[in-house]
Amino acid sequence: MRAAVNSQPLRLLLDSGTWELLVFRRRLNIAPRQVHLDRASSVSTTGGSTQLSWLRATVSLRGSDPGVHKVAIAEADADIDGLLGFAEMGFHRVAFDFAKRIFSWQ
């Protein structure tokens, strides 16, 4: 899915098992002072476990503007820019139309 964090375009994998919006650090151009390291939070990736940092950022999804959200930043790298979890974004219902390549939410 195409998205943007603070106007920076990203490609996110939709993941119902991820709680929040998680972006891999190397994919996001932000100054270190903009993020807050949380030593109590971590995420497991294919490369192992890594601590999370947090960023308050403006998020847009496919031209829609859900507003400012807390974004988890993982100090890991992957072939994608990040994961879009549903719960923290406030989605109550999601729908997929795979034939038309459409993702919608309420």
PDB file of N, CA and C in Angstrom:
ATOM      1  N   MET A   1       0.845  -1.167   0.000  1.00  0.00           N
ATOM      2  CA  MET A   1       0.000   0.000   0.000  1.00  0.00           C
ATOM      3  C   MET A   1       0.892   1.232   0.000  1.00  0.00           C
ATOM      4  N   ARG A   2       0.501   2.212  -0.782  1.00  0.00           N
ATOM      5  CA  ARG A   2       1.232   3.480  -0.825  1.00  0.00           C
ATOM      6  C   ARG A   2       0.746   4.364   0.326  1.00  0.00           C
ATOM      7  N   ALA A   3       1.697   4.972   1.011  1.00  0.00           N
ATOM      8  CA  ALA A   3       1.384   5.830   2.149  1.00  0.00           C
ATOM      9  C   ALA A   3       2.453   6.907   2.235  1.00  0.00           C
ATOM     10  N   ALA A   4       2.299   7.807   3.189  1.00  0.00           N
ATOM     11  CA  ALA A   4       3.319   8.823   3.450  1.00  0.00           C
ATOM     12  C   ALA A   4       3.352   9.116   4.945  1.00  0.00           C
ATOM     13  N   VAL A   5       4.548   9.324   5.451  1.00  0.00           N
ATOM     14  CA  VAL A   5       4.765   9.748   6.834  1.00  0.00           C
ATOM     15  C   VAL A   5       5.515  11.068   6.748  1.00  0.00           C
ATOM     16  N   ASN A   6       4.904  12.121   7.297  1.00  0.00           N
ATOM     17  CA  ASN A   6       5.471  13.475   7.180  1.00  0.00           C
ATOM     18  C   ASN A   6       5.840  13.793   5.729  1.00  0.00           C
ATOM     19  N   SER A   7       4.938  13.455   4.823  1.00  0.00           N
ATOM     20  CA  SER A   7       5.057  13.706   3.378  1.00  0.00           C
ATOM     21  C   SER A   7       6.114  12.865   2.677  1.00  0.00           C
ATOM     22  N   GLN A   8       6.749  11.924   3.370  1.00  0.00           N
ATOM     23  CA  GLN A   8       7.719  11.041   2.735  1.00  0.00           C
ATOM     24  C   GLN A   8       7.004   9.784   2.240  1.00  0.00           C
ATOM     25  N   PRO A   9       7.047   9.504   0.933  1.00  0.00           N
ATOM     26  CA  PRO A   9       6.340   8.337   0.412  1.00  0.00           C
ATOM     27  C   PRO A   9       6.946   7.034   0.916  1.00  0.00           C
ATOM     28  N   LEU A  10       6.057   6.083   1.238  1.00  0.00           N
ATOM     29  CA  LEU A  10       6.464   4.774   1.739  1.00  0.00           C
ATOM     30  C   LEU A  10       5.593   3.695   1.103  1.00  0.00           C
ATOM     31  N   ARG A  11       6.136   2.474   1.060  1.00  0.00           N
ATOM     32  CA  ARG A  11       5.383   1.288   0.661  1.00  0.00           C
ATOM     33  C   ARG A  11       5.209   0.439   1.913  1.00  0.00           C
ATOM     34  N   LEU A  12       3.957   0.234   2.309  1.00  0.00           N
ATOM     35  CA  LEU A  12       3.677  -0.505   3.528  1.00  0.00           C
ATOM     36  C   LEU A  12       2.984  -1.816   3.224  1.00  0.00           C
ATOM     37  N   LEU A  13       3.324  -2.827   3.979  1.00  0.00           N
ATOM     38  CA  LEU A  13       2.648  -4.110   3.911  1.00  0.00           C
ATOM     39  C   LEU A  13       1.518  -4.079   4.934  1.00  0.00           C
ATOM     40  N   LEU A  14       0.297  -4.385   4.511  1.00  0.00           N
ATOM     41  CA  LEU A  14      -0.834  -4.443   5.440  1.00  0.00           C
ATOM     42  C   LEU A  14      -0.681  -5.694   6.288  1.00  0.00           C
ATOM     43  N   ASP A  15      -0.761  -5.533   7.608  1.00  0.00           N
ATOM     44  CA  ASP A  15      -0.487  -6.642   8.523  1.00  0.00           C
ATOM     45  C   ASP A  15      -1.455  -6.600   9.697  1.00  0.00           C
ATOM     46  N   SER A  16      -2.413  -7.501   9.693  1.00  0.00           N
ATOM     47  CA  SER A  16      -3.401  -7.518  10.776  1.00  0.00           C
ATOM     48  C   SER A  16      -2.798  -7.977  12.094  1.00  0.00           C
ATOM     49  N   GLY A  17      -1.612  -8.561  12.075  1.00  0.00           N
ATOM     50  CA  GLY A  17      -0.948  -8.993  13.300  1.00  0.00           C
ATOM     51  C   GLY A  17      -0.077  -7.924  13.929  1.00  0.00           C
ATOM     52  N   THR A  18       0.103  -6.809  13.242  1.00  0.00           N
ATOM     53  CA  THR A  18       0.877  -5.695  13.783  1.00  0.00           C
ATOM     54  C   THR A  18      -0.089  -4.689  14.383  1.00  0.00           C
ATOM     55  N   TRP A  19       0.211  -4.207  15.564  1.00  0.00           N
ATOM     56  CA  TRP A  19      -0.706  -3.327  16.284  1.00  0.00           C
ATOM     57  C   TRP A  19      -0.740  -1.913  15.709  1.00  0.00           C
ATOM     58  N   GLU A  20       0.426  -1.394  15.311  1.00  0.00           N
ATOM     59  CA  GLU A  20       0.541   0.017  14.929  1.00  0.00           C
ATOM     60  C   GLU A  20       1.166   0.152  13.546  1.00  0.00           C
ATOM     61  N   LEU A  21       1.458   1.371  13.189  1.00  0.00           N
ATOM     62  CA  LEU A  21       2.223   1.650  11.983  1.00  0.00           C
ATOM     63  C   LEU A  21       3.696   1.537  12.356  1.00  0.00           C
ATOM     64  N   LEU A  22       4.417   0.637  11.707  1.00  0.00           N
ATOM     65  CA  LEU A  22       5.818   0.404  11.993  1.00  0.00           C
ATOM     66  C   LEU A  22       6.617   0.676  10.727  1.00  0.00           C
ATOM     67  N   VAL A  23       7.639   1.513  10.832  1.00  0.00           N
ATOM     68  CA  VAL A  23       8.485   1.866   9.692  1.00  0.00           C
ATOM     69  C   VAL A  23       9.922   1.475  10.018  1.00  0.00           C
ATOM     70  N   PHE A  24      10.601   0.924   9.029  1.00  0.00           N
ATOM     71  CA  PHE A  24      12.003   0.571   9.209  1.00  0.00           C
ATOM     72  C   PHE A  24      12.854   1.825   9.065  1.00  0.00           C
ATOM     73  N   ARG A  25      13.714   2.072  10.040  1.00  0.00           N
ATOM     74  CA  ARG A  25      14.440   3.340  10.212  1.00  0.00           C
ATOM     75  C   ARG A  25      15.171   3.812   8.955  1.00  0.00           C
ATOM     76  N   ARG A  26      15.812   2.913   8.272  1.00  0.00           N
ATOM     77  CA  ARG A  26      16.589   3.311   7.091  1.00  0.00           C
ATOM     78  C   ARG A  26      15.707   3.781   5.940  1.00  0.00           C
ATOM     79  N   ARG A  27      14.422   3.539   6.024  1.00  0.00           N
ATOM     80  CA  ARG A  27      13.490   3.924   4.962  1.00  0.00           C
ATOM     81  C   ARG A  27      12.877   5.296   5.180  1.00  0.00           C
ATOM     82  N   LEU A  28      13.127   5.890   6.338  1.00  0.00           N
ATOM     83  CA  LEU A  28      12.509   7.158   6.699  1.00  0.00           C
ATOM     84  C   LEU A  28      13.600   8.186   6.963  1.00  0.00           C
ATOM     85  N   ASN A  29      13.543   9.292   6.274  1.00  0.00           N
ATOM     86  CA  ASN A  29      14.547  10.341   6.413  1.00  0.00           C
ATOM     87  C   ASN A  29      14.120  11.315   7.517  1.00  0.00           C
ATOM     88  N   ILE A  30      14.575  11.031   8.742  1.00  0.00           N
ATOM     89  CA  ILE A  30      14.258  11.879   9.893  1.00  0.00           C
ATOM     90  C   ILE A  30      15.508  12.061  10.735  1.00  0.00           C
ATOM     91  N   ALA A  31      15.562  13.172  11.421  1.00  0.00           N
ATOM     92  CA  ALA A  31      16.684  13.444  12.313  1.00  0.00           C
ATOM     93  C   ALA A  31      16.538  12.612  13.587  1.00  0.00           C
ATOM     94  N   PRO A  32      17.645  12.110  14.134  1.00  0.00           N
ATOM     95  CA  PRO A  32      17.578  11.314  15.363  1.00  0.00           C
ATOM     96  C   PRO A  32      16.868  12.023  16.509  1.00  0.00           C
ATOM     97  N   ARG A  33      16.963  13.333  16.582  1.00  0.00           N
ATOM     98  CA  ARG A  33      16.327  14.068  17.687  1.00  0.00           C
ATOM     99  C   ARG A  33      14.798  14.066  17.591  1.00  0.00           C
ATOM    100  N   GLN A  34      14.248  13.664  16.443  1.00  0.00           N
ATOM    101  CA  GLN A  34      12.797  13.635  16.265  1.00  0.00           C
ATOM    102  C   GLN A  34      12.149  12.388  16.856  1.00  0.00           C
ATOM    103  N   VAL A  35      12.950  11.378  17.154  1.00  0.00           N
ATOM    104  CA  VAL A  35      12.386  10.120  17.666  1.00  0.00           C
ATOM    105  C   VAL A  35      12.742   9.921  19.124  1.00  0.00           C
ATOM    106  N   HIS A  36      11.907   9.169  19.807  1.00  0.00           N
ATOM    107  CA  HIS A  36      12.113   8.866  21.224  1.00  0.00           C
ATOM    108  C   HIS A  36      12.354   7.364  21.356  1.00  0.00           C
ATOM    109  N   LEU A  37      13.545   6.970  21.843  1.00  0.00           N
ATOM    110  CA  LEU A  37      13.877   5.569  22.051  1.00  0.00           C
ATOM    111  C   LEU A  37      13.103   5.043  23.249  1.00  0.00           C
ATOM    112  N   ASP A  38      12.474   3.897  23.073  1.00  0.00           N
ATOM    113  CA  ASP A  38      11.732   3.249  24.155  1.00  0.00           C
ATOM    114  C   ASP A  38      12.431   1.932  24.470  1.00  0.00           C
ATOM    115  N   ARG A  39      13.230   1.910  25.524  1.00  0.00           N
ATOM    116  CA  ARG A  39      14.012   0.721  25.871  1.00  0.00           C
ATOM    117  C   ARG A  39      13.136  -0.454  26.300  1.00  0.00           C
ATOM    118  N   ALA A  40      11.872  -0.201  26.602  1.00  0.00           N
ATOM    119  CA  ALA A  40      10.973  -1.269  27.022  1.00  0.00           C
ATOM    120  C   ALA A  40      10.244  -1.912  25.841  1.00  0.00           C
ATOM    121  N   SER A  41      10.314  -1.307  24.666  1.00  0.00           N
ATOM    122  CA  SER A  41       9.611  -1.840  23.498  1.00  0.00           C
ATOM    123  C   SER A  41      10.604  -2.426  22.504  1.00  0.00           C
ATOM    124  N   SER A  42      10.221  -3.568  21.944  1.00  0.00           N
ATOM    125  CA  SER A  42      11.049  -4.175  20.904  1.00  0.00           C
ATOM    126  C   SER A  42      10.149  -4.901  19.917  1.00  0.00           C
ATOM    127  N   VAL A  43      10.729  -5.260  18.800  1.00  0.00           N
ATOM    128  CA  VAL A  43      10.005  -5.994  17.774  1.00  0.00           C
ATOM    129  C   VAL A  43      10.931  -7.079  17.241  1.00  0.00           C
ATOM    130  N   SER A  44      10.363  -8.225  16.908  1.00  0.00           N
ATOM    131  CA  SER A  44      11.143  -9.308  16.322  1.00  0.00           C
ATOM    132  C   SER A  44      11.040  -9.226  14.807  1.00  0.00           C
ATOM    133  N   THR A  45      12.170  -9.290  14.140  1.00  0.00           N
ATOM    134  CA  THR A  45      12.226  -9.286  12.683  1.00  0.00           C
ATOM    135  C   THR A  45      13.027 -10.493  12.227  1.00  0.00           C
ATOM    136  N   THR A  46      13.123 -10.679  10.932  1.00  0.00           N
ATOM    137  CA  THR A  46      13.916 -11.803  10.425  1.00  0.00           C
ATOM    138  C   THR A  46      15.383 -11.672  10.804  1.00  0.00           C
ATOM    139  N   GLY A  47      15.838 -10.454  11.075  1.00  0.00           N
ATOM    140  CA  GLY A  47      17.219 -10.229  11.483  1.00  0.00           C
ATOM    141  C   GLY A  47      17.434 -10.322  12.982  1.00  0.00           C
ATOM    142  N   GLY A  48      16.393 -10.603  13.750  1.00  0.00           N
ATOM    143  CA  GLY A  48      16.482 -10.676  15.201  1.00  0.00           C
ATOM    144  C   GLY A  48      15.595  -9.643  15.855  1.00  0.00           C
ATOM    145  N   SER A  49      15.781  -9.434  17.130  1.00  0.00           N
ATOM    146  CA  SER A  49      14.972  -8.477  17.889  1.00  0.00           C
ATOM    147  C   SER A  49      15.667  -7.121  17.909  1.00  0.00           C
ATOM    148  N   THR A  50      14.884  -6.049  17.822  1.00  0.00           N
ATOM    149  CA  THR A  50      15.444  -4.700  17.855  1.00  0.00           C
ATOM    150  C   THR A  50      14.544  -3.792  18.673  1.00  0.00           C
ATOM    151  N   GLN A  51      15.131  -2.804  19.322  1.00  0.00           N
ATOM    152  CA  GLN A  51      14.356  -1.839  20.100  1.00  0.00           C
ATOM    153  C   GLN A  51      13.600  -0.906  19.175  1.00  0.00           C
ATOM    154  N   LEU A  52      12.534  -0.343  19.711  1.00  0.00           N
ATOM    155  CA  LEU A  52      11.718   0.595  18.948  1.00  0.00           C
ATOM    156  C   LEU A  52      11.932   2.023  19.417  1.00  0.00           C
ATOM    157  N   SER A  53      11.826   2.927  18.495  1.00  0.00           N
ATOM    158  CA  SER A  53      11.736   4.348  18.785  1.00  0.00           C
ATOM    159  C   SER A  53      10.347   4.781  18.332  1.00  0.00           C
ATOM    160  N   TRP A  54       9.918   5.944  18.791  1.00  0.00           N
ATOM    161  CA  TRP A  54       8.575   6.433  18.450  1.00  0.00           C
ATOM    162  C   TRP A  54       8.655   7.834  17.883  1.00  0.00           C
ATOM    163  N   LEU A  55       7.738   8.130  16.993  1.00  0.00           N
ATOM    164  CA  LEU A  55       7.670   9.412  16.327  1.00  0.00           C
ATOM    165  C   LEU A  55       6.202   9.790  16.191  1.00  0.00           C
ATOM    166  N   ARG A  56       5.864  11.033  16.508  1.00  0.00           N
ATOM    167  CA  ARG A  56       4.524  11.556  16.209  1.00  0.00           C
ATOM    168  C   ARG A  56       4.616  12.180  14.833  1.00  0.00           C
ATOM    169  N   ALA A  57       3.788  11.716  13.896  1.00  0.00           N
ATOM    170  CA  ALA A  57       3.926  12.161  12.513  1.00  0.00           C
ATOM    171  C   ALA A  57       2.568  12.228  11.827  1.00  0.00           C
ATOM    172  N   THR A  58       2.508  13.046  10.794  1.00  0.00           N
ATOM    173  CA  THR A  58       1.330  13.113   9.940  1.00  0.00           C
ATOM    174  C   THR A  58       1.388  11.934   8.978  1.00  0.00           C
ATOM    175  N   VAL A  59       0.307  11.175   8.938  1.00  0.00           N
ATOM    176  CA  VAL A  59       0.242   9.978   8.112  1.00  0.00           C
ATOM    177  C   VAL A  59      -0.842  10.164   7.061  1.00  0.00           C
ATOM    178  N   SER A  60      -0.550   9.784   5.827  1.00  0.00           N
ATOM    179  CA  SER A  60      -1.589   9.756   4.795  1.00  0.00           C
ATOM    180  C   SER A  60      -1.554   8.391   4.123  1.00  0.00           C
ATOM    181  N   LEU A  61      -2.728   7.890   3.810  1.00  0.00           N
ATOM    182  CA  LEU A  61      -2.877   6.575   3.198  1.00  0.00           C
ATOM    183  C   LEU A  61      -3.648   6.711   1.892  1.00  0.00           C
ATOM    184  N   ARG A  62      -2.979   6.452   0.797  1.00  0.00           N
ATOM    185  CA  ARG A  62      -3.598   6.494  -0.530  1.00  0.00           C
ATOM    186  C   ARG A  62      -4.411   7.760  -0.751  1.00  0.00           C
ATOM    187  N   GLY A  63      -3.843   8.891  -0.404  1.00  0.00           N
ATOM    188  CA  GLY A  63      -4.514  10.167  -0.623  1.00  0.00           C
ATOM    189  C   GLY A  63      -5.452  10.593   0.488  1.00  0.00           C
ATOM    190  N   SER A  64      -5.777   9.692   1.408  1.00  0.00           N
ATOM    191  CA  SER A  64      -6.607  10.023   2.559  1.00  0.00           C
ATOM    192  C   SER A  64      -5.696  10.488   3.686  1.00  0.00           C
ATOM    193  N   ASP A  65      -6.177  11.375   4.528  1.00  0.00           N
ATOM    194  CA  ASP A  65      -5.348  11.926   5.589  1.00  0.00           C
ATOM    195  C   ASP A  65      -5.923  11.576   6.954  1.00  0.00           C
ATOM    196  N   PRO A  66      -5.532  10.415   7.526  1.00  0.00           N
ATOM    197  CA  PRO A  66      -6.032  10.046   8.850  1.00  0.00           C
ATOM    198  C   PRO A  66      -5.508  10.922   9.978  1.00  0.00           C
ATOM    199  N   GLY A  67      -4.510  11.783   9.718  1.00  0.00           N
ATOM    200  CA  GLY A  67      -4.042  12.716  10.732  1.00  0.00           C
ATOM    201  C   GLY A  67      -2.719  12.336  11.352  1.00  0.00           C
ATOM    202  N   VAL A  68      -2.499  12.855  12.561  1.00  0.00           N
ATOM    203  CA  VAL A  68      -1.246  12.629  13.279  1.00  0.00           C
ATOM    204  C   VAL A  68      -1.379  11.346  14.093  1.00  0.00           C
ATOM    205  N   HIS A  69      -0.361  10.498  13.985  1.00  0.00           N
ATOM    206  CA  HIS A  69      -0.360   9.221  14.696  1.00  0.00           C
ATOM    207  C   HIS A  69       1.015   8.947  15.268  1.00  0.00           C
ATOM    208  N   LYS A  70       1.040   8.047  16.222  1.00  0.00           N
ATOM    209  CA  LYS A  70       2.287   7.550  16.770  1.00  0.00           C
ATOM    210  C   LYS A  70       2.813   6.486  15.796  1.00  0.00           C
ATOM    211  N   VAL A  71       4.066   6.626  15.381  1.00  0.00           N
ATOM    212  CA  VAL A  71       4.682   5.706  14.432  1.00  0.00           C
ATOM    213  C   VAL A  71       5.840   5.002  15.130  1.00  0.00           C
ATOM    214  N   ALA A  72       5.851   3.677  15.072  1.00  0.00           N
ATOM    215  CA  ALA A  72       6.956   2.903  15.626  1.00  0.00           C
ATOM    216  C   ALA A  72       8.073   2.856  14.588  1.00  0.00           C
ATOM    217  N   ILE A  73       9.302   3.071  15.041  1.00  0.00           N
ATOM    218  CA  ILE A  73      10.467   3.057  14.171  1.00  0.00           C
ATOM    219  C   ILE A  73      11.365   1.904  14.623  1.00  0.00           C
ATOM    220  N   ALA A  74      11.609   0.945  13.720  1.00  0.00           N
ATOM    221  CA  ALA A  74      12.460  -0.201  14.035  1.00  0.00           C
ATOM    222  C   ALA A  74      13.822  -0.016  13.400  1.00  0.00           C
ATOM    223  N   GLU A  75      14.870  -0.257  14.174  1.00  0.00           N
ATOM    224  CA  GLU A  75      16.250  -0.151  13.676  1.00  0.00           C
ATOM    225  C   GLU A  75      16.611  -1.444  12.949  1.00  0.00           C
ATOM    226  N   ALA A  76      15.860  -1.754  11.910  1.00  0.00           N
ATOM    227  CA  ALA A  76      16.092  -2.951  11.104  1.00  0.00           C
ATOM    228  C   ALA A  76      15.854  -2.573   9.652  1.00  0.00           C
ATOM    229  N   ASP A  77      16.237  -3.439   8.759  1.00  0.00           N
ATOM    230  CA  ASP A  77      16.022  -3.172   7.347  1.00  0.00           C
ATOM    231  C   ASP A  77      15.238  -4.333   6.749  1.00  0.00           C
ATOM    232  N   ALA A  78      14.506  -4.042   5.694  1.00  0.00           N
ATOM    233  CA  ALA A  78      13.695  -5.051   5.018  1.00  0.00           C
ATOM    234  C   ALA A  78      13.489  -4.616   3.581  1.00  0.00           C
ATOM    235  N   ASP A  79      12.861  -5.478   2.803  1.00  0.00           N
ATOM    236  CA  ASP A  79      12.576  -5.160   1.407  1.00  0.00           C
ATOM    237  C   ASP A  79      11.392  -4.222   1.257  1.00  0.00           C
ATOM    238  N   ILE A  80      10.695  -3.970   2.336  1.00  0.00           N
ATOM    239  CA  ILE A  80       9.575  -3.031   2.343  1.00  0.00           C
ATOM    240  C   ILE A  80       9.916  -1.882   3.279  1.00  0.00           C
ATOM    241  N   ASP A  81       9.115  -0.830   3.222  1.00  0.00           N
ATOM    242  CA  ASP A  81       9.388   0.334   4.068  1.00  0.00           C
ATOM    243  C   ASP A  81       8.820   0.178   5.474  1.00  0.00           C
ATOM    244  N   GLY A  82       7.749  -0.612   5.608  1.00  0.00           N
ATOM    245  CA  GLY A  82       7.151  -0.776   6.923  1.00  0.00           C
ATOM    246  C   GLY A  82       5.902  -1.622   6.879  1.00  0.00           C
ATOM    247  N   LEU A  83       5.242  -1.696   8.033  1.00  0.00           N
ATOM    248  CA  LEU A  83       4.025  -2.481   8.203  1.00  0.00           C
ATOM    249  C   LEU A  83       2.906  -1.579   8.691  1.00  0.00           C
ATOM    250  N   LEU A  84       1.723  -1.767   8.148  1.00  0.00           N
ATOM    251  CA  LEU A  84       0.558  -1.013   8.594  1.00  0.00           C
ATOM    252  C   LEU A  84      -0.348  -1.951   9.365  1.00  0.00           C
ATOM    253  N   GLY A  85      -0.362  -1.789  10.699  1.00  0.00           N
ATOM    254  CA  GLY A  85      -1.281  -2.523  11.545  1.00  0.00           C
ATOM    255  C   GLY A  85      -2.586  -1.757  11.640  1.00  0.00           C
ATOM    256  N   PHE A  86      -3.650  -2.440  11.921  1.00  0.00           N
ATOM    257  CA  PHE A  86      -4.971  -1.819  11.876  1.00  0.00           C
ATOM    258  C   PHE A  86      -5.423  -1.160  13.172  1.00  0.00           C
ATOM    259  N   ALA A  87      -5.152  -1.772  14.306  1.00  0.00           N
ATOM    260  CA  ALA A  87      -5.763  -1.344  15.571  1.00  0.00           C
ATOM    261  C   ALA A  87      -5.392   0.078  15.975  1.00  0.00           C
ATOM    262  N   GLU A  88      -4.115   0.413  15.999  1.00  0.00           N
ATOM    263  CA  GLU A  88      -3.674   1.723  16.462  1.00  0.00           C
ATOM    264  C   GLU A  88      -4.102   2.855  15.526  1.00  0.00           C
ATOM    265  N   MET A  89      -4.353   2.534  14.272  1.00  0.00           N
ATOM    266  CA  MET A  89      -4.776   3.543  13.301  1.00  0.00           C
ATOM    267  C   MET A  89      -6.252   3.884  13.462  1.00  0.00           C
ATOM    268  N   GLY A  90      -6.960   3.148  14.308  1.00  0.00           N
ATOM    269  CA  GLY A  90      -8.368   3.442  14.557  1.00  0.00           C
ATOM    270  C   GLY A  90      -9.321   2.792  13.571  1.00  0.00           C
ATOM    271  N   PHE A  91      -8.855   1.815  12.789  1.00  0.00           N
ATOM    272  CA  PHE A  91      -9.731   1.129  11.847  1.00  0.00           C
ATOM    273  C   PHE A  91     -10.687   0.223  12.620  1.00  0.00           C
ATOM    274  N   HIS A  92     -11.966   0.298  12.301  1.00  0.00           N
ATOM    275  CA  HIS A  92     -12.959  -0.582  12.923  1.00  0.00           C
ATOM    276  C   HIS A  92     -13.334  -1.722  11.985  1.00  0.00           C
ATOM    277  N   ARG A  93     -13.229  -1.451  10.702  1.00  0.00           N
ATOM    278  CA  ARG A  93     -13.571  -2.439   9.693  1.00  0.00           C
ATOM    279  C   ARG A  93     -12.667  -2.208   8.485  1.00  0.00           C
ATOM    280  N   VAL A  94     -12.138  -3.288   7.939  1.00  0.00           N
ATOM    281  CA  VAL A  94     -11.297  -3.181   6.741  1.00  0.00           C
ATOM    282  C   VAL A  94     -11.849  -4.122   5.678  1.00  0.00           C
ATOM    283  N   ALA A  95     -11.607  -3.775   4.425  1.00  0.00           N
ATOM    284  CA  ALA A  95     -12.062  -4.607   3.314  1.00  0.00           C
ATOM    285  C   ALA A  95     -10.980  -4.641   2.240  1.00  0.00           C
ATOM    286  N   PHE A  96     -10.863  -5.788   1.597  1.00  0.00           N
ATOM    287  CA  PHE A  96      -9.907  -5.973   0.507  1.00  0.00           C
ATOM    288  C   PHE A  96     -10.655  -6.433  -0.731  1.00  0.00           C
ATOM    289  N   ASP A  97     -10.353  -5.846  -1.855  1.00  0.00           N
ATOM    290  CA  ASP A  97     -10.824  -6.317  -3.150  1.00  0.00           C
ATOM    291  C   ASP A  97      -9.565  -6.629  -3.942  1.00  0.00           C
ATOM    292  N   PHE A  98      -9.152  -7.896  -3.908  1.00  0.00           N
ATOM    293  CA  PHE A  98      -7.886  -8.279  -4.514  1.00  0.00           C
ATOM    294  C   PHE A  98      -7.916  -8.156  -6.031  1.00  0.00           C
ATOM    295  N   ALA A  99      -9.053  -8.408  -6.645  1.00  0.00           N
ATOM    296  CA  ALA A  99      -9.157  -8.311  -8.102  1.00  0.00           C
ATOM    297  C   ALA A  99      -8.935  -6.874  -8.578  1.00  0.00           C
ATOM    298  N   LYS A 100      -9.467  -5.914  -7.828  1.00  0.00           N
ATOM    299  CA  LYS A 100      -9.331  -4.498  -8.201  1.00  0.00           C
ATOM    300  C   LYS A 100      -8.176  -3.808  -7.483  1.00  0.00           C
ATOM    301  N   ARG A 101      -7.489  -4.558  -6.604  1.00  0.00           N
ATOM    302  CA  ARG A 101      -6.369  -4.018  -5.822  1.00  0.00           C
ATOM    303  C   ARG A 101      -6.797  -2.807  -4.983  1.00  0.00           C
ATOM    304  N   ILE A 102      -7.919  -2.988  -4.259  1.00  0.00           N
ATOM    305  CA  ILE A 102      -8.463  -1.911  -3.442  1.00  0.00           C
ATOM    306  C   ILE A 102      -8.488  -2.339  -1.976  1.00  0.00           C
ATOM    307  N   PHE A 103      -8.030  -1.450  -1.128  1.00  0.00           N
ATOM    308  CA  PHE A 103      -8.094  -1.610   0.322  1.00  0.00           C
ATOM    309  C   PHE A 103      -8.903  -0.432   0.861  1.00  0.00           C
ATOM    310  N   SER A 104      -9.910  -0.737   1.667  1.00  0.00           N
ATOM    311  CA  SER A 104     -10.712   0.353   2.238  1.00  0.00           C
ATOM    312  C   SER A 104     -10.893   0.107   3.734  1.00  0.00           C
ATOM    313  N   TRP A 105     -11.279   1.165   4.441  1.00  0.00           N
ATOM    314  CA  TRP A 105     -11.431   1.060   5.886  1.00  0.00           C
ATOM    315  C   TRP A 105     -12.495   2.030   6.393  1.00  0.00           C
ATOM    316  N   GLN A 106     -12.957   1.751   7.582  1.00  0.00           N
ATOM    317  CA  GLN A 106     -13.886   2.643   8.291  1.00  0.00           C
ATOM    318  C   GLN A 106     -13.368   2.836   9.692  1.00  0.00           C
TER     319      GLN A 106
END
